[in-house]
Amino acid sequence: MSLRKIAKTVGCAVNTVRSHLEADAPPSYQRNKLRTTKLSPFHDYLKERQAAAHPDWIPATVLMREIVARGYTGGGSQLRAYMHSLKPALPWDPVVRFETAPGEQMQVDWVEFRKGKNPLYAFCATLGFSRMSFVEFVTDMKVETLIACHQHAFEAFGGVPKRVLYDNMKTVVIERDTSGEGEHRFHTGFLDYARHCGFVIKLCRPYRAKTKGKVERFNGYLRRSFYVPLVAQLKQAGLTLDVVTANIQVRIWLKDIANERIHGTTQIRPTQRLPEECLQPLPNPWRGDIRAARPQREDEVKLAERPVVVIERIAQVSPAQHPLAIYEQLLAQICDTQEVAA
């Protein structure tokens, strides 16, 4: 093509085309490293926050709220450019989302944050249409806890979806395809609860976690935007996150941030779409036998005289690891930060 035709095609001057063609290498923008910007006074703070979170990473959106509360008046592009200089961009992973009708599906998953003597897990549930999410931190992943978390999620959403999607967790499915393809052997206690609530249990394809990509994506968002920043903040104060503090903070985060953000796929806030979900009515509290809530041995089956236990709410309560005044001071600081950001 001639220089004039190239200039007309790309929308620039002929001299610009000529200079680029004569150059030895493609042009690249070089920012003056000695230039002082509105973000410069916060460089040390940002490095310290990321160092406290290592090997995890705090997103720029979270750090933006923090430095705005400390007086930053610049824009987000400066912050993102600086954070990009600290960490290389992750490889792009194209994923095609499968959309569901309102009230059709909820995706559920466990997130393991901490093992050992002081474990910490998170039950995560995301509605497929609205992307409204619910999180509850617990200290075990037993079937009784799983049922209680479902009950709390349905209460938070105001209803029950038609189908709930899981991976191959043993508290839901004991054996796949026992009598044919799609004929699974479900956990007796959990199957009774699903029938009581009126939802159908659906399973992901084995080794295909992206089948429930909506909740998987939310799990990463929960870790990056909530868990890592909070743990880093507690670490700087010499504290360790416990289940009580985690649940207090995650309720605030869900209400003010996660479910109020403009969702990247739908471009609508989850709270705006929730009324369109058309969920089934909430059932009465489930009254189930604890024995049915887990696989039984032969000698246990004979003990029919055991009492029935009502499972309505299982509160995950652990003793505070530190004086309550420390947590009150931390919560007040976080609330002040959110008010300033708002």
Protein backbone atom coordinates (compact mmCIF):
# COMPACT_ATOMS: atom_id res chain seq x y z
CA MET A 1 0.00 0.00 0.00
CA SER A 2 1.14 3.55 -0.60
CA LEU A 3 1.92 5.90 2.28
CA ARG A 4 -1.14 7.98 1.49
CA LYS A 5 -3.44 4.91 1.47
CA ILE A 6 -2.00 3.65 4.77
CA ALA A 7 -2.56 7.08 6.32
CA LYS A 8 -6.15 7.15 5.11
CA THR A 9 -6.83 3.62 6.37
CA VAL A 10 -5.45 4.10 9.90
CA GLY A 11 -6.49 7.74 10.21
CA CYS A 12 -3.19 9.55 10.66
CA ALA A 13 -0.86 11.88 8.76
CA VAL A 14 1.40 10.69 5.93
CA ASN A 15 4.50 11.90 7.81
CA THR A 16 3.47 9.78 10.81
CA VAL A 17 3.29 6.69 8.60
CA ARG A 18 6.68 7.51 7.07
CA SER A 19 8.37 7.94 10.48
CA HIS A 20 6.99 4.65 11.80
CA LEU A 21 8.09 2.73 8.72
CA GLU A 22 11.59 4.17 8.93
CA ALA A 23 11.95 3.36 12.63
CA ASP A 24 14.05 0.32 13.63
CA ALA A 25 11.55 -0.88 16.29
CA PRO A 26 7.87 -0.42 17.09
CA PRO A 27 7.13 2.71 19.15
CA SER A 28 6.67 2.33 22.90
CA TYR A 29 5.59 4.83 25.50
CA GLN A 30 8.13 5.46 28.27
CA ARG A 31 6.88 7.17 31.40
CA ASN A 32 9.32 9.47 33.14
CA LYS A 33 10.18 7.54 36.31
CA LEU A 34 11.25 10.73 38.12
CA ARG A 35 7.89 12.41 37.53
CA THR A 36 5.94 13.15 40.70
CA THR A 37 2.26 12.24 40.54
CA LYS A 38 -0.66 12.33 42.97
CA LEU A 39 0.01 8.66 43.64
CA SER A 40 3.70 9.09 44.52
CA PRO A 41 3.13 9.70 48.28
CA PHE A 42 1.28 6.37 48.48
CA HIS A 43 3.91 4.17 46.77
CA ASP A 44 5.41 2.96 50.05
CA TYR A 45 1.97 2.24 51.50
CA LEU A 46 0.98 0.18 48.44
CA LYS A 47 4.22 -1.80 48.58
CA GLU A 48 3.74 -2.52 52.29
CA ARG A 49 0.15 -3.70 51.73
CA GLN A 50 1.20 -6.06 48.96
CA ALA A 51 4.15 -7.32 51.01
CA ALA A 52 1.81 -8.11 53.90
CA ALA A 53 -0.49 -10.02 51.52
CA HIS A 54 2.32 -12.02 49.82
CA PRO A 55 2.09 -14.53 48.15
CA ASP A 56 -1.48 -13.39 47.44
CA TRP A 57 -2.37 -10.15 45.69
CA ILE A 58 -4.66 -7.28 46.70
CA PRO A 59 -6.66 -5.89 43.73
CA ALA A 60 -6.34 -2.27 42.71
CA THR A 61 -10.05 -1.67 43.44
CA VAL A 62 -9.51 -2.51 47.11
CA LEU A 63 -6.37 -0.41 47.38
CA MET A 64 -8.16 2.46 45.66
CA ARG A 65 -10.73 2.61 48.48
CA GLU A 66 -7.97 2.54 51.08
CA ILE A 67 -5.81 5.33 49.64
CA VAL A 68 -8.84 7.53 48.89
CA ALA A 69 -9.63 7.34 52.59
CA ARG A 70 -6.06 8.52 53.22
CA GLY A 71 -6.37 11.56 50.99
CA TYR A 72 -5.62 10.33 47.46
CA THR A 73 -7.34 12.58 44.89
CA GLY A 74 -6.07 11.02 41.67
CA GLY A 75 -7.74 8.58 39.31
CA GLY A 76 -7.76 4.83 39.06
CA SER A 77 -5.64 4.70 35.90
CA GLN A 78 -2.55 5.90 37.78
CA LEU A 79 -3.05 3.24 40.43
CA ARG A 80 -3.63 0.43 37.91
CA ALA A 81 -0.53 1.45 35.93
CA TYR A 82 1.59 1.44 39.08
CA MET A 83 0.23 -1.93 40.25
CA HIS A 84 0.90 -3.31 36.78
CA SER A 85 4.54 -2.33 37.17
CA LEU A 86 4.73 -4.36 40.39
CA LYS A 87 3.14 -7.51 39.00
CA PRO A 88 3.08 -8.90 35.44
CA ALA A 89 -0.36 -9.35 33.92
CA LEU A 90 -1.83 -12.85 34.19
CA PRO A 91 -2.40 -14.81 30.96
CA TRP A 92 -5.84 -14.33 29.47
CA ASP A 93 -8.15 -17.32 29.81
CA PRO A 94 -11.17 -17.01 27.50
CA VAL A 95 -14.34 -18.48 29.04
CA VAL A 96 -17.78 -18.55 27.45
CA ARG A 97 -20.46 -18.14 30.14
CA PHE A 98 -23.57 -20.29 30.01
CA GLU A 99 -26.49 -18.10 31.05
CA THR A 100 -29.55 -19.46 32.85
CA ALA A 101 -33.12 -18.20 33.18
CA PRO A 102 -34.27 -16.35 36.34
CA GLY A 103 -34.69 -18.66 39.33
CA GLU A 104 -33.29 -21.61 37.38
CA GLN A 105 -29.91 -22.26 38.99
CA MET A 106 -27.67 -21.62 41.98
CA GLN A 107 -24.02 -22.71 42.04
CA VAL A 108 -22.40 -23.81 45.31
CA ASP A 109 -18.78 -24.40 46.29
CA TRP A 110 -16.46 -24.62 49.29
CA VAL A 111 -13.39 -22.40 49.52
CA GLU A 112 -10.58 -23.65 51.74
CA PHE A 113 -8.62 -20.81 53.32
CA ARG A 114 -6.83 -22.48 56.21
CA LYS A 115 -6.09 -26.06 57.30
CA GLY A 116 -4.65 -27.53 60.47
CA LYS A 117 -5.73 -26.95 64.08
CA ASN A 118 -7.45 -23.67 63.26
CA PRO A 119 -9.25 -24.36 59.94
CA LEU A 120 -11.31 -21.82 58.05
CA TYR A 121 -13.60 -22.53 55.11
CA ALA A 122 -16.18 -20.48 53.23
CA PHE A 123 -19.51 -21.70 51.85
CA CYS A 124 -20.17 -19.74 48.65
CA ALA A 125 -23.45 -19.65 46.72
CA THR A 126 -24.15 -17.60 43.57
CA LEU A 127 -27.46 -17.28 41.72
CA GLY A 128 -26.96 -17.89 38.01
CA PHE A 129 -29.15 -15.10 36.65
CA SER A 130 -28.62 -12.17 39.01
CA ARG A 131 -25.11 -13.16 40.24
CA MET A 132 -26.31 -12.39 43.78
CA SER A 133 -23.90 -14.13 46.15
CA PHE A 134 -23.91 -15.40 49.73
CA VAL A 135 -20.89 -16.34 51.89
CA GLU A 136 -20.66 -17.97 55.30
CA PHE A 137 -17.37 -18.82 57.02
CA VAL A 138 -17.25 -22.09 58.97
CA THR A 139 -14.72 -24.34 60.68
CA ASP A 140 -15.76 -27.65 59.06
CA MET A 141 -17.42 -28.96 55.89
CA LYS A 142 -19.70 -31.58 57.44
CA VAL A 143 -23.09 -32.27 55.91
CA GLU A 144 -24.87 -30.68 58.88
CA THR A 145 -22.92 -27.49 58.25
CA LEU A 146 -23.62 -27.69 54.51
CA ILE A 147 -27.37 -27.95 55.13
CA ALA A 148 -27.34 -25.06 57.59
CA CYS A 149 -25.43 -22.86 55.13
CA HIS A 150 -27.98 -23.66 52.40
CA GLN A 151 -30.77 -22.62 54.74
CA HIS A 152 -29.05 -19.32 55.51
CA ALA A 153 -28.39 -18.68 51.81
CA PHE A 154 -32.04 -19.29 50.87
CA GLU A 155 -33.12 -16.92 53.64
CA ALA A 156 -30.69 -14.26 52.40
CA PHE A 157 -31.93 -14.63 48.80
CA GLY A 158 -35.59 -14.77 49.83
CA GLY A 159 -36.34 -18.08 48.11
CA VAL A 160 -35.11 -21.35 46.61
CA PRO A 161 -33.91 -21.91 43.01
CA LYS A 162 -35.10 -24.85 40.91
CA ARG A 163 -31.64 -26.42 40.59
CA VAL A 164 -28.39 -26.25 42.55
CA LEU A 165 -25.09 -27.14 40.90
CA TYR A 166 -22.25 -28.86 42.79
CA ASP A 167 -18.94 -30.52 42.12
CA ASN A 168 -18.24 -34.03 43.44
CA MET A 169 -18.28 -33.21 47.18
CA LYS A 170 -18.91 -36.34 49.26
CA THR A 171 -21.52 -34.61 51.41
CA VAL A 172 -23.69 -34.35 48.27
CA VAL A 173 -22.87 -37.38 46.05
CA ILE A 174 -21.38 -40.63 47.30
CA GLU A 175 -21.01 -42.37 43.93
CA ARG A 176 -21.60 -41.21 40.35
CA ASP A 177 -23.40 -43.17 37.63
CA THR A 178 -24.16 -46.14 39.89
CA SER A 179 -26.97 -47.59 37.72
CA GLY A 180 -26.35 -45.74 34.46
CA GLU A 181 -25.24 -42.40 33.14
CA GLY A 182 -26.69 -39.61 35.27
CA GLU A 183 -28.02 -42.06 37.88
CA HIS A 184 -26.01 -41.00 40.91
CA ARG A 185 -26.05 -42.23 44.50
CA PHE A 186 -26.64 -39.09 46.54
CA HIS A 187 -26.00 -38.56 50.21
CA THR A 188 -29.22 -39.65 51.95
CA GLY A 189 -29.42 -36.82 54.44
CA PHE A 190 -28.68 -34.11 51.91
CA LEU A 191 -31.06 -35.62 49.34
CA ASP A 192 -33.85 -35.50 51.93
CA TYR A 193 -33.09 -31.82 52.52
CA ALA A 194 -33.12 -31.05 48.78
CA ARG A 195 -36.52 -32.73 48.39
CA HIS A 196 -37.84 -30.82 51.38
CA CYS A 197 -36.73 -27.49 49.88
CA GLY A 198 -37.86 -28.37 46.36
CA PHE A 199 -34.61 -28.06 44.40
CA VAL A 200 -32.93 -30.58 42.09
CA ILE A 201 -29.32 -31.59 42.68
CA LYS A 202 -27.13 -31.16 39.58
CA LEU A 203 -23.49 -32.24 39.31
CA CYS A 204 -20.60 -30.84 37.30
CA ARG A 205 -18.74 -33.00 34.85
CA PRO A 206 -15.75 -34.66 36.56
CA TYR A 207 -12.55 -32.59 36.42
CA ARG A 208 -14.49 -29.72 34.85
CA ALA A 209 -14.75 -27.04 37.54
CA LYS A 210 -15.57 -24.39 34.92
CA THR A 211 -19.02 -25.98 34.58
CA LYS A 212 -19.87 -23.93 37.67
CA GLY A 213 -17.78 -21.01 36.50
CA LYS A 214 -19.99 -18.31 38.05
CA VAL A 215 -19.29 -19.36 41.63
CA GLU A 216 -15.68 -20.28 40.79
CA ARG A 217 -15.16 -16.76 39.48
CA PHE A 218 -16.77 -15.35 42.63
CA ASN A 219 -14.49 -17.51 44.79
CA GLY A 220 -11.44 -15.78 43.32
CA TYR A 221 -13.10 -12.38 43.79
CA LEU A 222 -13.82 -13.25 47.44
CA ARG A 223 -10.22 -14.26 48.04
CA ARG A 224 -8.63 -11.26 46.31
CA SER A 225 -11.03 -8.48 47.29
CA PHE A 226 -12.08 -9.57 50.77
CA TYR A 227 -9.96 -12.28 52.40
CA VAL A 228 -6.44 -11.21 51.39
CA PRO A 229 -6.87 -7.49 52.26
CA LEU A 230 -8.51 -8.31 55.61
CA VAL A 231 -5.88 -10.88 56.59
CA ALA A 232 -3.10 -8.50 55.57
CA GLN A 233 -4.64 -5.73 57.68
CA LEU A 234 -4.94 -8.02 60.70
CA LYS A 235 -1.40 -9.29 60.14
CA GLN A 236 -0.08 -5.73 60.27
CA ALA A 237 -1.85 -5.38 63.63
CA GLY A 238 -0.47 -8.71 64.88
CA LEU A 239 -3.85 -10.47 64.75
CA THR A 240 -5.22 -13.65 63.15
CA LEU A 241 -8.59 -13.86 61.40
CA ASP A 242 -11.16 -16.06 63.17
CA VAL A 243 -14.55 -17.28 61.98
CA VAL A 244 -16.57 -14.75 63.99
CA THR A 245 -14.69 -11.74 62.66
CA ALA A 246 -14.76 -13.18 59.13
CA ASN A 247 -18.56 -13.53 59.17
CA ILE A 248 -19.07 -10.04 60.58
CA GLN A 249 -16.88 -8.49 57.91
CA VAL A 250 -18.14 -10.59 54.99
CA ARG A 251 -21.74 -9.50 55.63
CA ILE A 252 -20.66 -5.86 55.36
CA TRP A 253 -18.61 -6.63 52.25
CA LEU A 254 -21.48 -8.47 50.54
CA LYS A 255 -23.98 -5.74 51.36
CA ASP A 256 -21.86 -2.70 50.48
CA ILE A 257 -19.46 -3.97 47.81
CA ALA A 258 -19.87 -7.44 46.27
CA ASN A 259 -23.60 -7.38 45.58
CA GLU A 260 -23.61 -3.66 44.77
CA ARG A 261 -20.84 -3.67 42.18
CA ILE A 262 -21.49 -3.46 38.45
CA HIS A 263 -21.01 -7.10 37.45
CA GLY A 264 -18.47 -7.57 34.69
CA THR A 265 -20.65 -9.95 32.65
CA THR A 266 -24.19 -8.65 33.18
CA GLN A 267 -23.17 -4.97 33.56
CA ILE A 268 -25.92 -4.73 36.21
CA ARG A 269 -25.74 -4.74 40.00
CA PRO A 270 -26.74 -8.16 41.45
CA THR A 271 -29.14 -6.45 43.88
CA GLN A 272 -30.98 -4.90 40.92
CA ARG A 273 -31.46 -8.28 39.26
CA LEU A 274 -32.43 -10.20 42.40
CA PRO A 275 -36.16 -9.23 42.27
CA GLU A 276 -36.31 -10.80 38.78
CA GLU A 277 -35.08 -14.19 39.98
CA CYS A 278 -38.61 -15.56 40.64
CA LEU A 279 -37.40 -17.97 43.32
CA GLN A 280 -39.57 -20.65 44.90
CA PRO A 281 -41.01 -19.84 48.33
CA LEU A 282 -38.95 -20.59 51.41
CA PRO A 283 -39.86 -23.98 52.96
CA ASN A 284 -40.56 -24.61 56.62
CA PRO A 285 -37.48 -25.37 58.76
CA TRP A 286 -36.17 -28.82 57.91
CA ARG A 287 -36.46 -31.42 60.66
CA GLY A 288 -34.00 -34.14 59.80
CA ASP A 289 -32.32 -36.99 61.59
CA ILE A 290 -28.60 -36.41 62.13
CA ARG A 291 -28.05 -40.09 61.32
CA ALA A 292 -29.48 -39.50 57.85
CA ALA A 293 -27.12 -36.61 57.32
CA ARG A 294 -24.12 -38.89 56.80
CA PRO A 295 -23.36 -42.43 55.51
CA GLN A 296 -24.23 -45.04 58.15
CA ARG A 297 -22.54 -48.22 59.29
CA GLU A 298 -24.58 -51.41 59.65
CA ASP A 299 -24.49 -51.29 63.46
CA GLU A 300 -25.82 -47.73 63.43
CA VAL A 301 -28.81 -48.62 61.27
CA LYS A 302 -30.12 -50.94 64.01
CA LEU A 303 -30.29 -48.11 66.55
CA ALA A 304 -33.76 -46.88 65.56
CA GLU A 305 -34.51 -45.53 69.02
CA ARG A 306 -32.13 -42.60 68.66
CA PRO A 307 -33.80 -39.19 69.07
CA VAL A 308 -34.42 -36.90 66.11
CA VAL A 309 -32.53 -33.61 66.15
CA VAL A 310 -33.91 -30.41 64.62
CA ILE A 311 -31.49 -28.67 62.24
CA GLU A 312 -32.56 -25.06 61.77
CA ARG A 313 -29.44 -22.98 62.31
CA ILE A 314 -25.92 -24.06 63.11
CA ALA A 315 -24.09 -21.01 64.40
CA GLN A 316 -20.38 -21.16 63.82
CA VAL A 317 -19.04 -19.58 66.99
CA SER A 318 -15.49 -19.75 68.20
CA PRO A 319 -13.95 -17.91 71.14
CA ALA A 320 -12.32 -14.60 70.31
CA GLN A 321 -8.60 -15.00 69.94
CA HIS A 322 -7.90 -11.44 71.07
CA PRO A 323 -9.54 -8.83 73.32
CA LEU A 324 -12.80 -7.52 71.88
CA ALA A 325 -11.55 -3.93 72.11
CA ILE A 326 -8.98 -4.70 69.41
CA TYR A 327 -11.67 -5.97 67.03
CA GLU A 328 -13.95 -3.03 67.83
CA GLN A 329 -11.12 -0.63 66.99
CA LEU A 330 -10.42 -2.47 63.74
CA LEU A 331 -14.11 -2.56 62.72
CA ALA A 332 -14.47 1.15 63.46
CA GLN A 333 -11.44 1.87 61.27
CA ILE A 334 -12.86 -0.18 58.39
CA CYS A 335 -16.30 1.46 58.70
CA ASP A 336 -14.69 4.93 58.67
CA THR A 337 -12.77 3.93 55.54
CA GLN A 338 -15.97 2.81 53.79
CA GLU A 339 -17.80 6.02 54.76
CA VAL A 340 -15.00 8.19 53.38
CA ALA A 341 -14.91 6.13 50.15
CA ALA A 342 -18.68 6.44 49.77
